[in-house]
PDB file of N, CA and C in Angstrom:
ATOM      1  N   MET A   1     267.172 139.583  34.653  1.00  0.00           N
ATOM      2  CA  MET A   1     266.716 138.827  33.497  1.00  0.00           C
ATOM      3  C   MET A   1     267.425 137.469  33.503  1.00  0.00           C
ATOM      4  N   THR A   2     266.643 136.424  33.448  1.00  0.00           N
ATOM      5  CA  THR A   2     267.177 135.072  33.379  1.00  0.00           C
ATOM      6  C   THR A   2     266.879 134.518  32.001  1.00  0.00           C
ATOM      7  N   LEU A   3     267.931 134.128  31.280  1.00  0.00           N
ATOM      8  CA  LEU A   3     267.749 133.592  29.938  1.00  0.00           C
ATOM      9  C   LEU A   3     267.466 132.092  29.997  1.00  0.00           C
ATOM     10  N   LEU A   4     266.552 131.676  29.135  1.00  0.00           N
ATOM     11  CA  LEU A   4     266.168 130.270  29.018  1.00  0.00           C
ATOM     12  C   LEU A   4     266.721 129.746  27.703  1.00  0.00           C
ATOM     13  N   ARG A   5     267.498 128.672  27.760  1.00  0.00           N
ATOM     14  CA  ARG A   5     268.042 128.067  26.540  1.00  0.00           C
ATOM     15  C   ARG A   5     266.946 127.271  25.850  1.00  0.00           C
ATOM     16  N   LEU A   6     266.817 127.504  24.527  1.00  0.00           N
ATOM     17  CA  LEU A   6     265.820 126.769  23.761  1.00  0.00           C
ATOM     18  C   LEU A   6     266.443 125.667  22.915  1.00  0.00           C
ATOM     19  N   CYS A   7     267.465 125.996  22.131  1.00  0.00           N
ATOM     20  CA  CYS A   7     268.058 125.018  21.222  1.00  0.00           C
ATOM     21  C   CYS A   7     269.315 125.613  20.593  1.00  0.00           C
ATOM     22  N   ARG A   8     269.940 124.838  19.722  1.00  0.00           N
ATOM     23  CA  ARG A   8     271.090 125.338  18.942  1.00  0.00           C
ATOM     24  C   ARG A   8     270.583 125.951  17.645  1.00  0.00           C
ATOM     25  N   VAL A   9     271.269 126.940  17.144  1.00  0.00           N
ATOM     26  CA  VAL A   9     270.900 127.582  15.877  1.00  0.00           C
ATOM     27  C   VAL A   9     270.864 126.559  14.753  1.00  0.00           C
ATOM     28  N   ASP A  10     271.829 125.638  14.726  1.00  0.00           N
ATOM     29  CA  ASP A  10     271.901 124.673  13.619  1.00  0.00           C
ATOM     30  C   ASP A  10     270.784 123.620  13.650  1.00  0.00           C
ATOM     31  N   GLU A  11     269.957 123.629  14.690  1.00  0.00           N
ATOM     32  CA  GLU A  11     268.803 122.729  14.742  1.00  0.00           C
ATOM     33  C   GLU A  11     267.589 123.307  14.016  1.00  0.00           C
ATOM     34  N   VAL A  12     267.633 124.599  13.689  1.00  0.00           N
ATOM     35  CA  VAL A  12     266.489 125.280  13.078  1.00  0.00           C
ATOM     36  C   VAL A  12     266.699 125.368  11.567  1.00  0.00           C
ATOM     37  N   ALA A  13     265.767 124.787  10.804  1.00  0.00           N
ATOM     38  CA  ALA A  13     265.836 124.834   9.338  1.00  0.00           C
ATOM     39  C   ALA A  13     265.399 126.211   8.841  1.00  0.00           C
ATOM     40  N   ASP A  14     265.785 126.541   7.618  1.00  0.00           N
ATOM     41  CA  ASP A  14     265.433 127.844   7.055  1.00  0.00           C
ATOM     42  C   ASP A  14     263.954 127.974   6.701  1.00  0.00           C
ATOM     43  N   ASP A  15     263.275 126.890   6.425  1.00  0.00           N
ATOM     44  CA  ASP A  15     261.885 126.991   5.966  1.00  0.00           C
ATOM     45  C   ASP A  15     260.872 126.321   6.886  1.00  0.00           C
ATOM     46  N   ALA A  16     261.340 125.689   7.951  1.00  0.00           N
ATOM     47  CA  ALA A  16     260.429 124.982   8.852  1.00  0.00           C
ATOM     48  C   ALA A  16     260.793 125.290  10.299  1.00  0.00           C
ATOM     49  N   PRO A  17     259.829 125.760  11.081  1.00  0.00           N
ATOM     50  CA  PRO A  17     260.118 126.040  12.487  1.00  0.00           C
ATOM     51  C   PRO A  17     260.389 124.765  13.283  1.00  0.00           C
ATOM     52  N   LEU A  18     260.992 124.946  14.414  1.00  0.00           N
ATOM     53  CA  LEU A  18     261.327 123.845  15.306  1.00  0.00           C
ATOM     54  C   LEU A  18     260.469 123.950  16.569  1.00  0.00           C
ATOM     55  N   ARG A  19     259.866 122.852  16.977  1.00  0.00           N
ATOM     56  CA  ARG A  19     259.106 122.809  18.226  1.00  0.00           C
ATOM     57  C   ARG A  19     260.093 122.616  19.377  1.00  0.00           C
ATOM     58  N   VAL A  20     259.990 123.473  20.376  1.00  0.00           N
ATOM     59  CA  VAL A  20     260.865 123.384  21.538  1.00  0.00           C
ATOM     60  C   VAL A  20     260.018 123.471  22.798  1.00  0.00           C
ATOM     61  N   GLU A  21     260.183 122.481  23.669  1.00  0.00           N
ATOM     62  CA  GLU A  21     259.548 122.506  24.984  1.00  0.00           C
ATOM     63  C   GLU A  21     260.612 122.863  25.998  1.00  0.00           C
ATOM     64  N   ALA A  22     260.334 123.915  26.781  1.00  0.00           N
ATOM     65  CA  ALA A  22     261.303 124.354  27.788  1.00  0.00           C
ATOM     66  C   ALA A  22     260.560 125.013  28.949  1.00  0.00           C
ATOM     67  N   ALA A  23     260.912 124.636  30.147  1.00  0.00           N
ATOM     68  CA  ALA A  23     260.356 125.234  31.367  1.00  0.00           C
ATOM     69  C   ALA A  23     258.826 125.255  31.364  1.00  0.00           C
ATOM     70  N   GLY A  24     258.217 124.183  30.884  1.00  0.00           N
ATOM     71  CA  GLY A  24     256.776 124.054  30.927  1.00  0.00           C
ATOM     72  C   GLY A  24     256.014 124.793  29.835  1.00  0.00           C
ATOM     73  N   ALA A  25     256.717 125.357  28.866  1.00  0.00           N
ATOM     74  CA  ALA A  25     256.060 126.052  27.752  1.00  0.00           C
ATOM     75  C   ALA A  25     256.526 125.448  26.431  1.00  0.00           C
ATOM     76  N   VAL A  26     255.758 125.708  25.371  1.00  0.00           N
ATOM     77  CA  VAL A  26     256.104 125.189  24.050  1.00  0.00           C
ATOM     78  C   VAL A  26     256.257 126.373  23.094  1.00  0.00           C
ATOM     79  N   TYR A  27     257.376 126.373  22.374  1.00  0.00           N
ATOM     80  CA  TYR A  27     257.730 127.472  21.479  1.00  0.00           C
ATOM     81  C   TYR A  27     257.914 126.957  20.055  1.00  0.00           C
ATOM     82  N   ALA A  28     257.697 127.856  19.090  1.00  0.00           N
ATOM     83  CA  ALA A  28     258.050 127.609  17.693  1.00  0.00           C
ATOM     84  C   ALA A  28     259.235 128.520  17.402  1.00  0.00           C
ATOM     85  N   VAL A  29     260.383 127.925  17.096  1.00  0.00           N
ATOM     86  CA  VAL A  29     261.595 128.693  16.802  1.00  0.00           C
ATOM     87  C   VAL A  29     261.800 128.645  15.295  1.00  0.00           C
ATOM     88  N   ALA A  30     261.892 129.822  14.681  1.00  0.00           N
ATOM     89  CA  ALA A  30     261.975 129.899  13.226  1.00  0.00           C
ATOM     90  C   ALA A  30     263.189 130.721  12.804  1.00  0.00           C
ATOM     91  N   LYS A  31     263.623 130.466  11.564  1.00  0.00           N
ATOM     92  CA  LYS A  31     264.749 131.198  10.989  1.00  0.00           C
ATOM     93  C   LYS A  31     264.309 131.757   9.637  1.00  0.00           C
ATOM     94  N   SER A  32     264.619 133.036   9.406  1.00  0.00           N
ATOM     95  CA  SER A  32     264.324 133.668   8.124  1.00  0.00           C
ATOM     96  C   SER A  32     265.423 134.677   7.828  1.00  0.00           C
ATOM     97  N   ALA A  33     266.032 134.549   6.656  1.00  0.00           N
ATOM     98  CA  ALA A  33     267.116 135.442   6.233  1.00  0.00           C
ATOM     99  C   ALA A  33     268.212 135.527   7.290  1.00  0.00           C
ATOM    100  N   GLY A  34     268.477 134.401   7.949  1.00  0.00           N
ATOM    101  CA  GLY A  34     269.536 134.328   8.947  1.00  0.00           C
ATOM    102  C   GLY A  34     269.148 134.805  10.332  1.00  0.00           C
ATOM    103  N   ALA A  35     267.984 135.436  10.477  1.00  0.00           N
ATOM    104  CA  ALA A  35     267.522 135.911  11.779  1.00  0.00           C
ATOM    105  C   ALA A  35     266.689 134.821  12.459  1.00  0.00           C
ATOM    106  N   ILE A  36     266.711 134.827  13.785  1.00  0.00           N
ATOM    107  CA  ILE A  36     265.984 133.842  14.588  1.00  0.00           C
ATOM    108  C   ILE A  36     264.783 134.508  15.240  1.00  0.00           C
ATOM    109  N   PHE A  37     263.658 133.794  15.233  1.00  0.00           N
ATOM    110  CA  PHE A  37     262.419 134.304  15.815  1.00  0.00           C
ATOM    111  C   PHE A  37     261.807 133.228  16.714  1.00  0.00           C
ATOM    112  N   VAL A  38     261.173 133.665  17.796  1.00  0.00           N
ATOM    113  CA  VAL A  38     260.546 132.741  18.734  1.00  0.00           C
ATOM    114  C   VAL A  38     259.108 133.186  18.961  1.00  0.00           C
ATOM    115  N   LEU A  39     258.178 132.268  18.727  1.00  0.00           N
ATOM    116  CA  LEU A  39     256.754 132.517  18.898  1.00  0.00           C
ATOM    117  C   LEU A  39     256.154 131.419  19.765  1.00  0.00           C
ATOM    118  N   ALA A  40     255.009 131.720  20.368  1.00  0.00           N
ATOM    119  CA  ALA A  40     254.252 130.666  21.039  1.00  0.00           C
ATOM    120  C   ALA A  40     253.865 129.644  19.977  1.00  0.00           C
ATOM    121  N   ASP A  41     253.868 128.382  20.324  1.00  0.00           N
ATOM    122  CA  ASP A  41     253.609 127.333  19.339  1.00  0.00           C
ATOM    123  C   ASP A  41     252.143 127.224  18.948  1.00  0.00           C
ATOM    124  N   GLN A  42     251.246 127.735  19.756  1.00  0.00           N
ATOM    125  CA  GLN A  42     249.817 127.584  19.515  1.00  0.00           C
ATOM    126  C   GLN A  42     249.261 128.721  18.660  1.00  0.00           C
ATOM    127  N   CYS A  43     248.616 128.381  17.553  1.00  0.00           N
ATOM    128  CA  CYS A  43     247.942 129.374  16.722  1.00  0.00           C
ATOM    129  C   CYS A  43     246.813 130.013  17.529  1.00  0.00           C
ATOM    130  N   THR A  44     246.577 131.297  17.328  1.00  0.00           N
ATOM    131  CA  THR A  44     245.510 131.991  18.046  1.00  0.00           C
ATOM    132  C   THR A  44     244.144 131.789  17.395  1.00  0.00           C
ATOM    133  N   HIS A  45     244.110 131.157  16.229  1.00  0.00           N
ATOM    134  CA  HIS A  45     242.852 130.958  15.517  1.00  0.00           C
ATOM    135  C   HIS A  45     242.227 129.584  15.768  1.00  0.00           C
ATOM    136  N   GLY A  46     243.049 128.569  15.920  1.00  0.00           N
ATOM    137  CA  GLY A  46     242.523 127.215  16.077  1.00  0.00           C
ATOM    138  C   GLY A  46     243.566 126.299  16.674  1.00  0.00           C
ATOM    139  N   PRO A  47     243.394 125.003  16.485  1.00  0.00           N
ATOM    140  CA  PRO A  47     244.281 124.027  17.130  1.00  0.00           C
ATOM    141  C   PRO A  47     245.635 123.831  16.444  1.00  0.00           C
ATOM    142  N   GLY A  48     245.965 124.639  15.460  1.00  0.00           N
ATOM    143  CA  GLY A  48     247.219 124.467  14.735  1.00  0.00           C
ATOM    144  C   GLY A  48     248.445 124.723  15.594  1.00  0.00           C
ATOM    145  N   LYS A  49     249.467 123.932  15.375  1.00  0.00           N
ATOM    146  CA  LYS A  49     250.761 124.110  16.028  1.00  0.00           C
ATOM    147  C   LYS A  49     251.676 124.839  15.047  1.00  0.00           C
ATOM    148  N   LEU A  50     252.116 126.031  15.403  1.00  0.00           N
ATOM    149  CA  LEU A  50     252.934 126.823  14.487  1.00  0.00           C
ATOM    150  C   LEU A  50     254.257 126.145  14.154  1.00  0.00           C
ATOM    151  N   SER A  51     254.739 125.289  15.044  1.00  0.00           N
ATOM    152  CA  SER A  51     255.985 124.561  14.771  1.00  0.00           C
ATOM    153  C   SER A  51     255.819 123.550  13.637  1.00  0.00           C
ATOM    154  N   GLU A  52     254.580 123.276  13.242  1.00  0.00           N
ATOM    155  CA  GLU A  52     254.323 122.384  12.112  1.00  0.00           C
ATOM    156  C   GLU A  52     254.033 123.177  10.834  1.00  0.00           C
ATOM    157  N   GLY A  53     254.170 124.493  10.923  1.00  0.00           N
ATOM    158  CA  GLY A  53     253.888 125.372   9.798  1.00  0.00           C
ATOM    159  C   GLY A  53     255.086 125.560   8.879  1.00  0.00           C
ATOM    160  N   THR A  54     254.996 126.604   8.034  1.00  0.00           N
ATOM    161  CA  THR A  54     256.020 126.884   7.041  1.00  0.00           C
ATOM    162  C   THR A  54     256.442 128.342   7.131  1.00  0.00           C
ATOM    163  N   VAL A  55     257.749 128.586   7.066  1.00  0.00           N
ATOM    164  CA  VAL A  55     258.264 129.952   7.011  1.00  0.00           C
ATOM    165  C   VAL A  55     258.195 130.423   5.564  1.00  0.00           C
ATOM    166  N   LEU A  56     257.523 131.553   5.365  1.00  0.00           N
ATOM    167  CA  LEU A  56     257.377 132.152   4.035  1.00  0.00           C
ATOM    168  C   LEU A  56     257.888 133.585   4.122  1.00  0.00           C
ATOM    169  N   GLY A  57     259.172 133.765   3.854  1.00  0.00           N
ATOM    170  CA  GLY A  57     259.770 135.101   3.997  1.00  0.00           C
ATOM    171  C   GLY A  57     259.748 135.529   5.447  1.00  0.00           C
ATOM    172  N   SER A  58     259.055 136.632   5.730  1.00  0.00           N
ATOM    173  CA  SER A  58     258.980 137.147   7.100  1.00  0.00           C
ATOM    174  C   SER A  58     257.709 136.696   7.817  1.00  0.00           C
ATOM    175  N   GLU A  59     257.038 135.680   7.267  1.00  0.00           N
ATOM    176  CA  GLU A  59     255.798 135.191   7.856  1.00  0.00           C
ATOM    177  C   GLU A  59     255.903 133.708   8.207  1.00  0.00           C
ATOM    178  N   LEU A  60     255.078 133.312   9.165  1.00  0.00           N
ATOM    179  CA  LEU A  60     254.945 131.904   9.530  1.00  0.00           C
ATOM    180  C   LEU A  60     253.504 131.502   9.245  1.00  0.00           C
ATOM    181  N   GLU A  61     253.345 130.497   8.376  1.00  0.00           N
ATOM    182  CA  GLU A  61     252.017 130.032   7.993  1.00  0.00           C
ATOM    183  C   GLU A  61     251.608 128.867   8.883  1.00  0.00           C
ATOM    184  N   CYS A  62     250.424 128.976   9.473  1.00  0.00           N
ATOM    185  CA  CYS A  62     249.881 127.914  10.308  1.00  0.00           C
ATOM    186  C   CYS A  62     249.391 126.771   9.420  1.00  0.00           C
ATOM    187  N   PRO A  63     249.646 125.530   9.798  1.00  0.00           N
ATOM    188  CA  PRO A  63     249.220 124.404   8.977  1.00  0.00           C
ATOM    189  C   PRO A  63     247.721 124.110   9.068  1.00  0.00           C
ATOM    190  N   PHE A  64     247.021 124.698  10.027  1.00  0.00           N
ATOM    191  CA  PHE A  64     245.611 124.369  10.249  1.00  0.00           C
ATOM    192  C   PHE A  64     244.688 124.998   9.201  1.00  0.00           C
ATOM    193  N   HIS A  65     244.740 126.330   9.057  1.00  0.00           N
ATOM    194  CA  HIS A  65     243.907 127.028   8.073  1.00  0.00           C
ATOM    195  C   HIS A  65     244.725 127.940   7.169  1.00  0.00           C
ATOM    196  N   GLN A  66     246.022 127.812   7.173  1.00  0.00           N
ATOM    197  CA  GLN A  66     246.951 128.589   6.359  1.00  0.00           C
ATOM    198  C   GLN A  66     246.922 130.086   6.659  1.00  0.00           C
ATOM    199  N   GLY A  67     246.474 130.463   7.833  1.00  0.00           N
ATOM    200  CA  GLY A  67     246.613 131.844   8.287  1.00  0.00           C
ATOM    201  C   GLY A  67     248.091 132.116   8.519  1.00  0.00           C
ATOM    202  N   ARG A  68     248.473 133.383   8.546  1.00  0.00           N
ATOM    203  CA  ARG A  68     249.896 133.724   8.694  1.00  0.00           C
ATOM    204  C   ARG A  68     250.099 134.783   9.766  1.00  0.00           C
ATOM    205  N   PHE A  69     251.316 134.741  10.330  1.00  0.00           N
ATOM    206  CA  PHE A  69     251.737 135.699  11.344  1.00  0.00           C
ATOM    207  C   PHE A  69     253.085 136.291  10.950  1.00  0.00           C
ATOM    208  N   ASP A  70     253.286 137.557  11.268  1.00  0.00           N
ATOM    209  CA  ASP A  70     254.575 138.205  11.071  1.00  0.00           C
ATOM    210  C   ASP A  70     255.546 137.630  12.102  1.00  0.00           C
ATOM    211  N   LEU A  71     256.672 137.126  11.644  1.00  0.00           N
ATOM    212  CA  LEU A  71     257.652 136.523  12.554  1.00  0.00           C
ATOM    213  C   LEU A  71     258.188 137.527  13.568  1.00  0.00           C
ATOM    214  N   ARG A  72     258.317 138.782  13.166  1.00  0.00           N
ATOM    215  CA  ARG A  72     258.924 139.799  14.034  1.00  0.00           C
ATOM    216  C   ARG A  72     257.986 140.278  15.128  1.00  0.00           C
ATOM    217  N   THR A  73     256.706 140.394  14.811  1.00  0.00           N
ATOM    218  CA  THR A  73     255.765 141.010  15.748  1.00  0.00           C
ATOM    219  C   THR A  73     254.703 140.060  16.285  1.00  0.00           C
ATOM    220  N   GLY A  74     254.447 138.972  15.557  1.00  0.00           N
ATOM    221  CA  GLY A  74     253.370 138.068  15.930  1.00  0.00           C
ATOM    222  C   GLY A  74     252.010 138.529  15.427  1.00  0.00           C
ATOM    223  N   ASN A  75     251.969 139.680  14.752  1.00  0.00           N
ATOM    224  CA  ASN A  75     250.694 140.181  14.233  1.00  0.00           C
ATOM    225  C   ASN A  75     250.192 139.291  13.103  1.00  0.00           C
ATOM    226  N   PRO A  76     248.874 139.085  13.023  1.00  0.00           N
ATOM    227  CA  PRO A  76     248.319 138.302  11.918  1.00  0.00           C
ATOM    228  C   PRO A  76     248.487 139.072  10.607  1.00  0.00           C
ATOM    229  N   THR A  77     248.828 138.340   9.538  1.00  0.00           N
ATOM    230  CA  THR A  77     249.030 138.983   8.243  1.00  0.00           C
ATOM    231  C   THR A  77     248.133 138.405   7.159  1.00  0.00           C
ATOM    232  N   TYR A  78     247.470 137.296   7.456  1.00  0.00           N
ATOM    233  CA  TYR A  78     246.634 136.650   6.449  1.00  0.00           C
ATOM    234  C   TYR A  78     245.515 135.897   7.166  1.00  0.00           C
ATOM    235  N   PRO A  79     244.268 136.043   6.696  1.00  0.00           N
ATOM    236  CA  PRO A  79     243.142 135.371   7.350  1.00  0.00           C
ATOM    237  C   PRO A  79     243.240 133.852   7.223  1.00  0.00           C
ATOM    238  N   PRO A  80     242.614 133.164   8.129  1.00  0.00           N
ATOM    239  CA  PRO A  80     241.592 133.626   9.056  1.00  0.00           C
ATOM    240  C   PRO A  80     242.125 134.138  10.386  1.00  0.00           C
ATOM    241  N   CYS A  81     243.426 134.232  10.557  1.00  0.00           N
ATOM    242  CA  CYS A  81     243.990 134.698  11.827  1.00  0.00           C
ATOM    243  C   CYS A  81     243.706 136.186  12.021  1.00  0.00           C
ATOM    244  N   THR A  82     243.239 136.538  13.226  1.00  0.00           N
ATOM    245  CA  THR A  82     242.940 137.932  13.533  1.00  0.00           C
ATOM    246  C   THR A  82     243.590 138.397  14.837  1.00  0.00           C
ATOM    247  N   GLU A  83     244.053 137.459  15.664  1.00  0.00           N
ATOM    248  CA  GLU A  83     244.691 137.814  16.934  1.00  0.00           C
ATOM    249  C   GLU A  83     246.176 137.506  16.855  1.00  0.00           C
ATOM    250  N   MET A  84     246.980 138.397  17.411  1.00  0.00           N
ATOM    251  CA  MET A  84     248.422 138.191  17.365  1.00  0.00           C
ATOM    252  C   MET A  84     248.834 137.003  18.233  1.00  0.00           C
ATOM    253  N   VAL A  85     249.969 136.424  17.877  1.00  0.00           N
ATOM    254  CA  VAL A  85     250.545 135.335  18.649  1.00  0.00           C
ATOM    255  C   VAL A  85     251.718 135.917  19.450  1.00  0.00           C
ATOM    256  N   ARG A  86     251.940 135.398  20.630  1.00  0.00           N
ATOM    257  CA  ARG A  86     253.007 135.878  21.521  1.00  0.00           C
ATOM    258  C   ARG A  86     254.366 135.620  20.898  1.00  0.00           C
ATOM    259  N   THR A  87     255.257 136.605  21.003  1.00  0.00           N
ATOM    260  CA  THR A  87     256.630 136.461  20.526  1.00  0.00           C
ATOM    261  C   THR A  87     257.603 136.829  21.641  1.00  0.00           C
ATOM    262  N   TRP A  88     258.846 136.371  21.480  1.00  0.00           N
ATOM    263  CA  TRP A  88     259.929 136.715  22.385  1.00  0.00           C
ATOM    264  C   TRP A  88     261.133 137.131  21.557  1.00  0.00           C
ATOM    265  N   THR A  89     261.974 137.953  22.106  1.00  0.00           N
ATOM    266  CA  THR A  89     263.212 138.355  21.455  1.00  0.00           C
ATOM    267  C   THR A  89     264.233 137.233  21.621  1.00  0.00           C
ATOM    268  N   ALA A  90     264.761 136.743  20.507  1.00  0.00           N
ATOM    269  CA  ALA A  90     265.768 135.681  20.558  1.00  0.00           C
ATOM    270  C   ALA A  90     267.148 136.293  20.769  1.00  0.00           C
ATOM    271  N   THR A  91     267.907 135.666  21.633  1.00  0.00           N
ATOM    272  CA  THR A  91     269.300 136.039  21.862  1.00  0.00           C
ATOM    273  C   THR A  91     270.156 134.842  21.466  1.00  0.00           C
ATOM    274  N   VAL A  92     271.153 135.072  20.621  1.00  0.00           N
ATOM    275  CA  VAL A  92     272.040 133.990  20.189  1.00  0.00           C
ATOM    276  C   VAL A  92     273.399 134.200  20.831  1.00  0.00           C
ATOM    277  N   LYS A  93     273.862 133.175  21.535  1.00  0.00           N
ATOM    278  CA  LYS A  93     275.181 133.192  22.179  1.00  0.00           C
ATOM    279  C   LYS A  93     275.858 131.864  21.910  1.00  0.00           C
ATOM    280  N   ALA A  94     277.030 131.933  21.313  1.00  0.00           N
ATOM    281  CA  ALA A  94     277.835 130.739  21.046  1.00  0.00           C
ATOM    282  C   ALA A  94     277.033 129.662  20.308  1.00  0.00           C
ATOM    283  N   GLY A  95     276.227 130.101  19.346  1.00  0.00           N
ATOM    284  CA  GLY A  95     275.470 129.152  18.536  1.00  0.00           C
ATOM    285  C   GLY A  95     274.228 128.581  19.191  1.00  0.00           C
ATOM    286  N   GLU A  96     273.839 129.113  20.348  1.00  0.00           N
ATOM    287  CA  GLU A  96     272.650 128.641  21.046  1.00  0.00           C
ATOM    288  C   GLU A  96     271.628 129.766  21.146  1.00  0.00           C
ATOM    289  N   ILE A  97     270.351 129.397  21.141  1.00  0.00           N
ATOM    290  CA  ILE A  97     269.248 130.360  21.163  1.00  0.00           C
ATOM    291  C   ILE A  97     268.639 130.415  22.554  1.00  0.00           C
ATOM    292  N   PHE A  98     268.478 131.644  23.047  1.00  0.00           N
ATOM    293  CA  PHE A  98     267.917 131.884  24.371  1.00  0.00           C
ATOM    294  C   PHE A  98     266.798 132.923  24.262  1.00  0.00           C
ATOM    295  N   ILE A  99     265.892 132.909  25.233  1.00  0.00           N
ATOM    296  CA  ILE A  99     264.905 133.971  25.396  1.00  0.00           C
ATOM    297  C   ILE A  99     264.813 134.322  26.876  1.00  0.00           C
ATOM    298  N   ASP A 100     264.241 135.481  27.153  1.00  0.00           N
ATOM    299  CA  ASP A 100     263.846 135.831  28.506  1.00  0.00           C
ATOM    300  C   ASP A 100     262.368 135.487  28.587  1.00  0.00           C
ATOM    301  N   PRO A 101     262.000 134.385  29.253  1.00  0.00           N
ATOM    302  CA  PRO A 101     260.595 133.972  29.265  1.00  0.00           C
ATOM    303  C   PRO A 101     259.684 134.994  29.944  1.00  0.00           C
ATOM    304  N   ASP A 102     260.262 135.892  30.738  1.00  0.00           N
ATOM    305  CA  ASP A 102     259.482 136.910  31.440  1.00  0.00           C
ATOM    306  C   ASP A 102     259.423 138.229  30.671  1.00  0.00           C
ATOM    307  N   GLU A 103     259.944 138.247  29.452  1.00  0.00           N
ATOM    308  CA  GLU A 103     259.885 139.457  28.635  1.00  0.00           C
ATOM    309  C   GLU A 103     258.428 139.870  28.473  1.00  0.00           C
ATOM    310  N   PRO A 104     258.119 141.146  28.696  1.00  0.00           N
ATOM    311  CA  PRO A 104     256.728 141.578  28.508  1.00  0.00           C
ATOM    312  C   PRO A 104     256.257 141.365  27.074  1.00  0.00           C
ATOM    313  N   ALA A 105     254.994 141.009  26.921  1.00  0.00           N
ATOM    314  CA  ALA A 105     254.424 140.822  25.600  1.00  0.00           C
ATOM    315  C   ALA A 105     254.431 142.156  24.863  1.00  0.00           C
ATOM    316  N   LYS A 106     254.706 142.094  23.568  1.00  0.00           N
ATOM    317  CA  LYS A 106     254.705 143.304  22.751  1.00  0.00           C
ATOM    318  C   LYS A 106     253.255 143.691  22.441  1.00  0.00           C
ATOM    319  N   PRO A 107     252.974 144.990  22.422  1.00  0.00           N
ATOM    320  CA  PRO A 107     251.604 145.402  22.094  1.00  0.00           C
ATOM    321  C   PRO A 107     251.275 145.092  20.628  1.00  0.00           C
ATOM    322  N   GLY A 108     250.021 144.798  20.351  1.00  0.00           N
ATOM    323  CA  GLY A 108     249.590 144.429  19.010  1.00  0.00           C
ATOM    324  C   GLY A 108     249.324 145.561  18.091  1.00  0.00           C
TER     325      GLY A 108
END
């Protein structure tokens, strides 16, 4: 397993995800109740960028049509979103956030 560094924990606001480009991919890194979550930045419903959305408790709201995804699983929680968004397990070491980009996708 090779970990990919995304950003520092202190760069992620509590209510707004952070857009991170790393190794040719784009991620939305979010914080909720002190926990860190990493999702693909692209909404599965339309052209919305999840990094431009809003964290609402355990959900991330897309700015395009206000659909929502569960931060933990990527499952859609509010229409019009119906397809899950890819997530990765965040690892925090010394105040920095990492993921395994090759982590298998979680089943929906």
